[in-house]
Amino acid sequence: MRRKRGPRAAATLAGLIFAVVLLVPAWPASAVPSPGEGTQSTLGNDVSWPQCRKDLPTGQAFGIVGVNNGLANNTNPCLRKQLEWAAASSGHSAQPEVSLYVNTANPGTSGSWWPSSNEYPIGSAVHNPYGSCEERDYGTACAYIYGYAKAWDDAYIRGISNPSDYVWWLDVETENSWSTDKDANRAVLEGMTDFFHSIDVKGVGIYSTGLQWSRIVGTVSSSSNLYSLPSWLAGARAVTGAKANCAGPR
């Protein structure tokens, strides 16, 4: 399991622009002006652990803050400060002033913890659409509980007050640990999504790229709770690139 040091985190330091990338059906954003056009910016930035103890962007309309420290089972050490930064966003956008993103993974035998029952926390039963999670099962049933558990941890032990007040983005990248079983990987994300929906968060979305999603999850059927989630399309470093991403196929 590697800590995430991908291009998006580095680009953020230079002011990664992604407001247009977030033009999704659930939370439509207004048109984004070119740099210097008008007096109010609708551009946003994302920050997380790579920006700890560094100058953060300024003048953003909204901010998205990473909850984890590069892995799905840990905490961004600068979370509180970065939440304060995001809360100071101008709000000149249809996007929430503050949203969150979380690392996702399916570590299986390489993880420091793996579920062995349909309970999380212990004593709290979880409805599992894939059946009974049993010890040493690394298929869809336990993968679903793993995802549910990581989302529970993100909401309740990372230092997030009022977790239902946020939109939560699931960061799906090949730099984290994943199984070769794409069905199990999908089940992890479904478990996370079901948990967040169970606490009535403002929204759940996916942050990934087409290539990484294809390698990790593959095709998702319309019966999956992932099917209709909005996408944060990655890779744009300027307004023109973000507009091009949104104009292309999802």
Foldseek 3Di string as FASTA:
>chain_A
DDADPDPQQVLQVVPFWFLLLQCWPLQHKDAADAPPPDDAGATEGEHFQVCPPHDGDPAYQAYEYEQARRALPHGGPCRVVVQVVLVPHNNNISADSYAYEYEFEQAQPNDPDWDAFQDPPPPHGDDFPVDTRHPSDSALRRLLVQLLNSLVCSQPPSPDDPQQAHEYEYEQAPVHYADQPLNSLLSSVLSNVVNNVVSNHSYYAYEDEPVRCCRRHNDDDPVGPHPRHIYSYDDDRGSVVSNVRVPDDD
